């Protein structure tokens, strides 16, 4: 289960982050993880970054439900 503390940790932000900062960080990490996943030939790395993308989506959903973004 995701908590606010873990969600902010995943995004590497602190508790004072604004909605714009949360969204920008989510989009930047999502793009970065997708790029790494797409550019690697190693299956283990691809799967690891796919899991990171899923985790980011969970964080985004968490903040949407809490109406922080």
PDB file of N, CA and C in Angstrom:
ATOM      1  N   UNK A   1       0.841  -1.185   0.000  1.00  0.00           N
ATOM      2  CA  UNK A   1       0.000   0.000   0.000  1.00  0.00           C
ATOM      3  C   UNK A   1       0.880   1.240   0.000  1.00  0.00           C
ATOM      4  N   UNK A   2       0.490   2.189  -0.795  1.00  0.00           N
ATOM      5  CA  UNK A   2       1.260   3.424  -0.922  1.00  0.00           C
ATOM      6  C   UNK A   2       0.784   4.440   0.114  1.00  0.00           C
ATOM      7  N   UNK A   3       1.744   5.048   0.762  1.00  0.00           N
ATOM      8  CA  UNK A   3       1.459   6.140   1.686  1.00  0.00           C
ATOM      9  C   UNK A   3       2.008   7.423   1.067  1.00  0.00           C
ATOM     10  N   UNK A   4       1.630   8.547   1.624  1.00  0.00           N
ATOM     11  CA  UNK A   4       2.137   9.810   1.086  1.00  0.00           C
ATOM     12  C   UNK A   4       3.656   9.860   1.193  1.00  0.00           C
ATOM     13  N   UNK A   5       4.177   9.381   2.304  1.00  0.00           N
ATOM     14  CA  UNK A   5       5.630   9.384   2.501  1.00  0.00           C
ATOM     15  C   UNK A   5       6.337   8.529   1.444  1.00  0.00           C
ATOM     16  N   UNK A   6       5.821   7.331   1.183  1.00  0.00           N
ATOM     17  CA  UNK A   6       6.459   6.470   0.190  1.00  0.00           C
ATOM     18  C   UNK A   6       6.292   7.027  -1.219  1.00  0.00           C
ATOM     19  N   UNK A   7       5.144   7.634  -1.492  1.00  0.00           N
ATOM     20  CA  UNK A   7       4.915   8.222  -2.812  1.00  0.00           C
ATOM     21  C   UNK A   7       5.892   9.371  -3.067  1.00  0.00           C
ATOM     22  N   UNK A   8       6.073  10.218  -2.065  1.00  0.00           N
ATOM     23  CA  UNK A   8       7.015  11.327  -2.214  1.00  0.00           C
ATOM     24  C   UNK A   8       8.446  10.812  -2.328  1.00  0.00           C
ATOM     25  N   UNK A   9       8.750   9.737  -1.622  1.00  0.00           N
ATOM     26  CA  UNK A   9      10.078   9.141  -1.697  1.00  0.00           C
ATOM     27  C   UNK A   9      10.351   8.594  -3.097  1.00  0.00           C
ATOM     28  N   UNK A  10       9.372   7.944  -3.681  1.00  0.00           N
ATOM     29  CA  UNK A  10       9.518   7.402  -5.028  1.00  0.00           C
ATOM     30  C   UNK A  10       9.792   8.525  -6.029  1.00  0.00           C
ATOM     31  N   UNK A  11       9.102   9.649  -5.840  1.00  0.00           N
ATOM     32  CA  UNK A  11       9.312  10.794  -6.728  1.00  0.00           C
ATOM     33  C   UNK A  11      10.522  11.636  -6.326  1.00  0.00           C
ATOM     34  N   UNK A  12      11.127  11.314  -5.194  1.00  0.00           N
ATOM     35  CA  UNK A  12      12.279  12.032  -4.657  1.00  0.00           C
ATOM     36  C   UNK A  12      11.937  13.504  -4.402  1.00  0.00           C
ATOM     37  N   UNK A  13      10.781  13.714  -3.761  1.00  0.00           N
ATOM     38  CA  UNK A  13      10.314  15.051  -3.411  1.00  0.00           C
ATOM     39  C   UNK A  13      10.047  15.108  -1.915  1.00  0.00           C
ATOM     40  N   UNK A  14       9.913  16.330  -1.387  1.00  0.00           N
ATOM     41  CA  UNK A  14       9.570  16.453   0.024  1.00  0.00           C
ATOM     42  C   UNK A  14       8.086  16.794   0.170  1.00  0.00           C
ATOM     43  N   UNK A  15       7.620  16.861   1.396  1.00  0.00           N
ATOM     44  CA  UNK A  15       6.206  17.062   1.683  1.00  0.00           C
ATOM     45  C   UNK A  15       5.649  18.402   1.242  1.00  0.00           C
ATOM     46  N   UNK A  16       6.505  19.359   0.955  1.00  0.00           N
ATOM     47  CA  UNK A  16       6.028  20.682   0.544  1.00  0.00           C
ATOM     48  C   UNK A  16       5.876  20.806  -0.978  1.00  0.00           C
ATOM     49  N   UNK A  17       6.022  19.697  -1.696  1.00  0.00           N
ATOM     50  CA  UNK A  17       5.938  19.723  -3.162  1.00  0.00           C
ATOM     51  C   UNK A  17       4.548  20.157  -3.615  1.00  0.00           C
ATOM     52  N   UNK A  18       4.531  21.011  -4.625  1.00  0.00           N
ATOM     53  CA  UNK A  18       3.264  21.477  -5.181  1.00  0.00           C
ATOM     54  C   UNK A  18       2.740  20.471  -6.199  1.00  0.00           C
ATOM     55  N   UNK A  19       1.503  20.659  -6.604  1.00  0.00           N
ATOM     56  CA  UNK A  19       0.903  19.787  -7.616  1.00  0.00           C
ATOM     57  C   UNK A  19       1.711  19.822  -8.910  1.00  0.00           C
ATOM     58  N   UNK A  20       2.181  21.000  -9.273  1.00  0.00           N
ATOM     59  CA  UNK A  20       2.973  21.147 -10.500  1.00  0.00           C
ATOM     60  C   UNK A  20       4.300  20.399 -10.390  1.00  0.00           C
ATOM     61  N   UNK A  21       4.934  20.464  -9.223  1.00  0.00           N
ATOM     62  CA  UNK A  21       6.197  19.761  -9.023  1.00  0.00           C
ATOM     63  C   UNK A  21       5.992  18.247  -9.051  1.00  0.00           C
ATOM     64  N   UNK A  22       4.927  17.790  -8.440  1.00  0.00           N
ATOM     65  CA  UNK A  22       4.628  16.354  -8.440  1.00  0.00           C
ATOM     66  C   UNK A  22       4.395  15.864  -9.861  1.00  0.00           C
ATOM     67  N   UNK A  23       3.581  16.590 -10.613  1.00  0.00           N
ATOM     68  CA  UNK A  23       3.282  16.196 -11.991  1.00  0.00           C
ATOM     69  C   UNK A  23       4.524  16.243 -12.867  1.00  0.00           C
ATOM     70  N   UNK A  24       5.318  17.291 -12.730  1.00  0.00           N
ATOM     71  CA  UNK A  24       6.535  17.421 -13.536  1.00  0.00           C
ATOM     72  C   UNK A  24       7.517  16.298 -13.228  1.00  0.00           C
ATOM     73  N   UNK A  25       7.667  15.980 -11.962  1.00  0.00           N
ATOM     74  CA  UNK A  25       8.592  14.919 -11.569  1.00  0.00           C
ATOM     75  C   UNK A  25       8.100  13.558 -12.068  1.00  0.00           C
ATOM     76  N   UNK A  26       6.796  13.321 -11.966  1.00  0.00           N
ATOM     77  CA  UNK A  26       6.208  12.082 -12.483  1.00  0.00           C
ATOM     78  C   UNK A  26       6.499  11.941 -13.975  1.00  0.00           C
ATOM     79  N   UNK A  27       6.233  12.990 -14.735  1.00  0.00           N
ATOM     80  CA  UNK A  27       6.438  12.929 -16.185  1.00  0.00           C
ATOM     81  C   UNK A  27       7.908  12.748 -16.552  1.00  0.00           C
ATOM     82  N   UNK A  28       8.796  13.425 -15.821  1.00  0.00           N
ATOM     83  CA  UNK A  28      10.223  13.297 -16.103  1.00  0.00           C
ATOM     84  C   UNK A  28      10.724  11.882 -15.827  1.00  0.00           C
ATOM     85  N   UNK A  29      10.338  11.324 -14.686  1.00  0.00           N
ATOM     86  CA  UNK A  29      10.764   9.968 -14.351  1.00  0.00           C
ATOM     87  C   UNK A  29      10.144   8.944 -15.297  1.00  0.00           C
ATOM     88  N   UNK A  30       8.898   9.136 -15.646  1.00  0.00           N
ATOM     89  CA  UNK A  30       8.214   8.218 -16.565  1.00  0.00           C
ATOM     90  C   UNK A  30       8.951   8.176 -17.909  1.00  0.00           C
ATOM     91  N   UNK A  31       9.321   9.357 -18.421  1.00  0.00           N
ATOM     92  CA  UNK A  31      10.053   9.444 -19.683  1.00  0.00           C
ATOM     93  C   UNK A  31      11.431   8.790 -19.557  1.00  0.00           C
ATOM     94  N   UNK A  32      12.126   9.094 -18.462  1.00  0.00           N
ATOM     95  CA  UNK A  32      13.459   8.541 -18.239  1.00  0.00           C
ATOM     96  C   UNK A  32      13.418   7.017 -18.154  1.00  0.00           C
ATOM     97  N   UNK A  33      12.470   6.471 -17.400  1.00  0.00           N
ATOM     98  CA  UNK A  33      12.363   5.023 -17.256  1.00  0.00           C
ATOM     99  C   UNK A  33      11.985   4.360 -18.574  1.00  0.00           C
ATOM    100  N   UNK A  34      11.104   4.980 -19.334  1.00  0.00           N
ATOM    101  CA  UNK A  34      10.701   4.425 -20.631  1.00  0.00           C
ATOM    102  C   UNK A  34      11.895   4.386 -21.577  1.00  0.00           C
ATOM    103  N   UNK A  35      12.678   5.465 -21.586  1.00  0.00           N
ATOM    104  CA  UNK A  35      13.843   5.542 -22.463  1.00  0.00           C
ATOM    105  C   UNK A  35      14.848   4.440 -22.111  1.00  0.00           C
ATOM    106  N   UNK A  36      15.131   4.274 -20.827  1.00  0.00           N
ATOM    107  CA  UNK A  36      16.072   3.231 -20.400  1.00  0.00           C
ATOM    108  C   UNK A  36      15.534   1.854 -20.778  1.00  0.00           C
ATOM    109  N   UNK A  37      14.249   1.629 -20.495  1.00  0.00           N
ATOM    110  CA  UNK A  37      13.639   0.327 -20.803  1.00  0.00           C
ATOM    111  C   UNK A  37      13.707   0.027 -22.294  1.00  0.00           C
ATOM    112  N   UNK A  38      13.425   1.017 -23.117  1.00  0.00           N
ATOM    113  CA  UNK A  38      13.401   0.806 -24.561  1.00  0.00           C
ATOM    114  C   UNK A  38      14.794   0.638 -25.169  1.00  0.00           C
ATOM    115  N   UNK A  39      15.802   1.245 -24.545  1.00  0.00           N
ATOM    116  CA  UNK A  39      17.141   1.214 -25.119  1.00  0.00           C
ATOM    117  C   UNK A  39      17.983   0.016 -24.695  1.00  0.00           C
ATOM    118  N   UNK A  40      17.565  -0.686 -23.665  1.00  0.00           N
ATOM    119  CA  UNK A  40      18.368  -1.810 -23.190  1.00  0.00           C
ATOM    120  C   UNK A  40      17.944  -3.106 -23.868  1.00  0.00           C
ATOM    121  N   UNK A  41      18.909  -3.965 -24.021  1.00  0.00           N
ATOM    122  CA  UNK A  41      18.615  -5.277 -24.592  1.00  0.00           C
ATOM    123  C   UNK A  41      18.490  -6.349 -23.527  1.00  0.00           C
ATOM    124  N   UNK A  42      18.849  -5.986 -22.310  1.00  0.00           N
ATOM    125  CA  UNK A  42      18.833  -6.924 -21.197  1.00  0.00           C
ATOM    126  C   UNK A  42      17.410  -7.084 -20.659  1.00  0.00           C
ATOM    127  N   UNK A  43      16.899  -8.281 -20.680  1.00  0.00           N
ATOM    128  CA  UNK A  43      15.525  -8.549 -20.263  1.00  0.00           C
ATOM    129  C   UNK A  43      15.297  -8.183 -18.794  1.00  0.00           C
ATOM    130  N   UNK A  44      16.271  -8.497 -17.956  1.00  0.00           N
ATOM    131  CA  UNK A  44      16.143  -8.203 -16.530  1.00  0.00           C
ATOM    132  C   UNK A  44      16.003  -6.691 -16.294  1.00  0.00           C
ATOM    133  N   UNK A  45      16.795  -5.908 -17.001  1.00  0.00           N
ATOM    134  CA  UNK A  45      16.725  -4.444 -16.881  1.00  0.00           C
ATOM    135  C   UNK A  45      15.398  -3.933 -17.415  1.00  0.00           C
ATOM    136  N   UNK A  46      14.952  -4.471 -18.533  1.00  0.00           N
ATOM    137  CA  UNK A  46      13.663  -4.058 -19.106  1.00  0.00           C
ATOM    138  C   UNK A  46      12.528  -4.298 -18.109  1.00  0.00           C
ATOM    139  N   UNK A  47      12.528  -5.465 -17.504  1.00  0.00           N
ATOM    140  CA  UNK A  47      11.480  -5.790 -16.533  1.00  0.00           C
ATOM    141  C   UNK A  47      11.561  -4.900 -15.296  1.00  0.00           C
ATOM    142  N   UNK A  48      12.765  -4.616 -14.841  1.00  0.00           N
ATOM    143  CA  UNK A  48      12.944  -3.754 -13.669  1.00  0.00           C
ATOM    144  C   UNK A  48      12.383  -2.357 -13.943  1.00  0.00           C
ATOM    145  N   UNK A  49      12.647  -1.825 -15.115  1.00  0.00           N
ATOM    146  CA  UNK A  49      12.157  -0.481 -15.427  1.00  0.00           C
ATOM    147  C   UNK A  49      10.672  -0.482 -15.756  1.00  0.00           C
ATOM    148  N   UNK A  50      10.166  -1.585 -16.230  1.00  0.00           N
ATOM    149  CA  UNK A  50       8.722  -1.693 -16.410  1.00  0.00           C
ATOM    150  C   UNK A  50       8.028  -1.662 -15.045  1.00  0.00           C
ATOM    151  N   UNK A  51       8.606  -2.327 -14.066  1.00  0.00           N
ATOM    152  CA  UNK A  51       8.057  -2.292 -12.703  1.00  0.00           C
ATOM    153  C   UNK A  51       8.137  -0.881 -12.116  1.00  0.00           C
ATOM    154  N   UNK A  52       9.223  -0.175 -12.407  1.00  0.00           N
ATOM    155  CA  UNK A  52       9.351   1.203 -11.934  1.00  0.00           C
ATOM    156  C   UNK A  52       8.267   2.089 -12.560  1.00  0.00           C
ATOM    157  N   UNK A  53       7.955   1.857 -13.833  1.00  0.00           N
ATOM    158  CA  UNK A  53       6.896   2.617 -14.495  1.00  0.00           C
ATOM    159  C   UNK A  53       5.545   2.333 -13.837  1.00  0.00           C
ATOM    160  N   UNK A  54       5.286   1.092 -13.516  1.00  0.00           N
ATOM    161  CA  UNK A  54       4.033   0.728 -12.850  1.00  0.00           C
ATOM    162  C   UNK A  54       3.959   1.395 -11.483  1.00  0.00           C
ATOM    163  N   UNK A  55       5.070   1.391 -10.764  1.00  0.00           N
ATOM    164  CA  UNK A  55       5.127   2.042  -9.457  1.00  0.00           C
ATOM    165  C   UNK A  55       4.838   3.541  -9.583  1.00  0.00           C
ATOM    166  N   UNK A  56       5.393   4.174 -10.611  1.00  0.00           N
ATOM    167  CA  UNK A  56       5.121   5.599 -10.845  1.00  0.00           C
ATOM    168  C   UNK A  56       3.640   5.836 -11.123  1.00  0.00           C
ATOM    169  N   UNK A  57       3.039   4.962 -11.908  1.00  0.00           N
ATOM    170  CA  UNK A  57       1.611   5.104 -12.195  1.00  0.00           C
ATOM    171  C   UNK A  57       0.782   4.968 -10.920  1.00  0.00           C
ATOM    172  N   UNK A  58       1.193   4.062 -10.041  1.00  0.00           N
ATOM    173  CA  UNK A  58       0.502   3.907  -8.757  1.00  0.00           C
ATOM    174  C   UNK A  58       0.604   5.179  -7.925  1.00  0.00           C
ATOM    175  N   UNK A  59       1.767   5.802  -7.942  1.00  0.00           N
ATOM    176  CA  UNK A  59       1.973   7.057  -7.210  1.00  0.00           C
ATOM    177  C   UNK A  59       1.073   8.146  -7.793  1.00  0.00           C
ATOM    178  N   UNK A  60       1.011   8.209  -9.107  1.00  0.00           N
ATOM    179  CA  UNK A  60       0.173   9.216  -9.769  1.00  0.00           C
ATOM    180  C   UNK A  60      -1.295   9.024  -9.372  1.00  0.00           C
ATOM    181  N   UNK A  61      -1.748   7.789  -9.391  1.00  0.00           N
ATOM    182  CA  UNK A  61      -3.129   7.481  -9.007  1.00  0.00           C
ATOM    183  C   UNK A  61      -3.365   7.844  -7.547  1.00  0.00           C
ATOM    184  N   UNK A  62      -2.391   7.555  -6.695  1.00  0.00           N
ATOM    185  CA  UNK A  62      -2.515   7.896  -5.275  1.00  0.00           C
ATOM    186  C   UNK A  62      -2.736   9.402  -5.109  1.00  0.00           C
ATOM    187  N   UNK A  63      -1.910  10.210  -5.765  1.00  0.00           N
ATOM    188  CA  UNK A  63      -2.044  11.658  -5.618  1.00  0.00           C
ATOM    189  C   UNK A  63      -3.335  12.186  -6.245  1.00  0.00           C
ATOM    190  N   UNK A  64      -3.799  11.562  -7.307  1.00  0.00           N
ATOM    191  CA  UNK A  64      -5.077  11.950  -7.913  1.00  0.00           C
ATOM    192  C   UNK A  64      -6.223  11.685  -6.934  1.00  0.00           C
ATOM    193  N   UNK A  65      -6.194  10.539  -6.298  1.00  0.00           N
ATOM    194  CA  UNK A  65      -7.248  10.192  -5.339  1.00  0.00           C
ATOM    195  C   UNK A  65      -7.228  11.103  -4.119  1.00  0.00           C
ATOM    196  N   UNK A  66      -6.051  11.522  -3.721  1.00  0.00           N
ATOM    197  CA  UNK A  66      -5.918  12.431  -2.576  1.00  0.00           C
ATOM    198  C   UNK A  66      -6.143  13.893  -2.986  1.00  0.00           C
ATOM    199  N   UNK A  67      -6.375  14.102  -4.274  1.00  0.00           N
ATOM    200  CA  UNK A  67      -6.643  15.421  -4.856  1.00  0.00           C
ATOM    201  C   UNK A  67      -5.491  16.394  -4.628  1.00  0.00           C
ATOM    202  N   UNK A  68      -4.268  15.856  -4.706  1.00  0.00           N
ATOM    203  CA  UNK A  68      -3.089  16.712  -4.624  1.00  0.00           C
ATOM    204  C   UNK A  68      -2.667  17.190  -5.994  1.00  0.00           C
ATOM    205  N   UNK A  69      -3.155  16.494  -7.034  1.00  0.00           N
ATOM    206  CA  UNK A  69      -2.852  16.914  -8.401  1.00  0.00           C
ATOM    207  C   UNK A  69      -4.115  16.904  -9.217  1.00  0.00           C
TER     208      UNK A  69
END
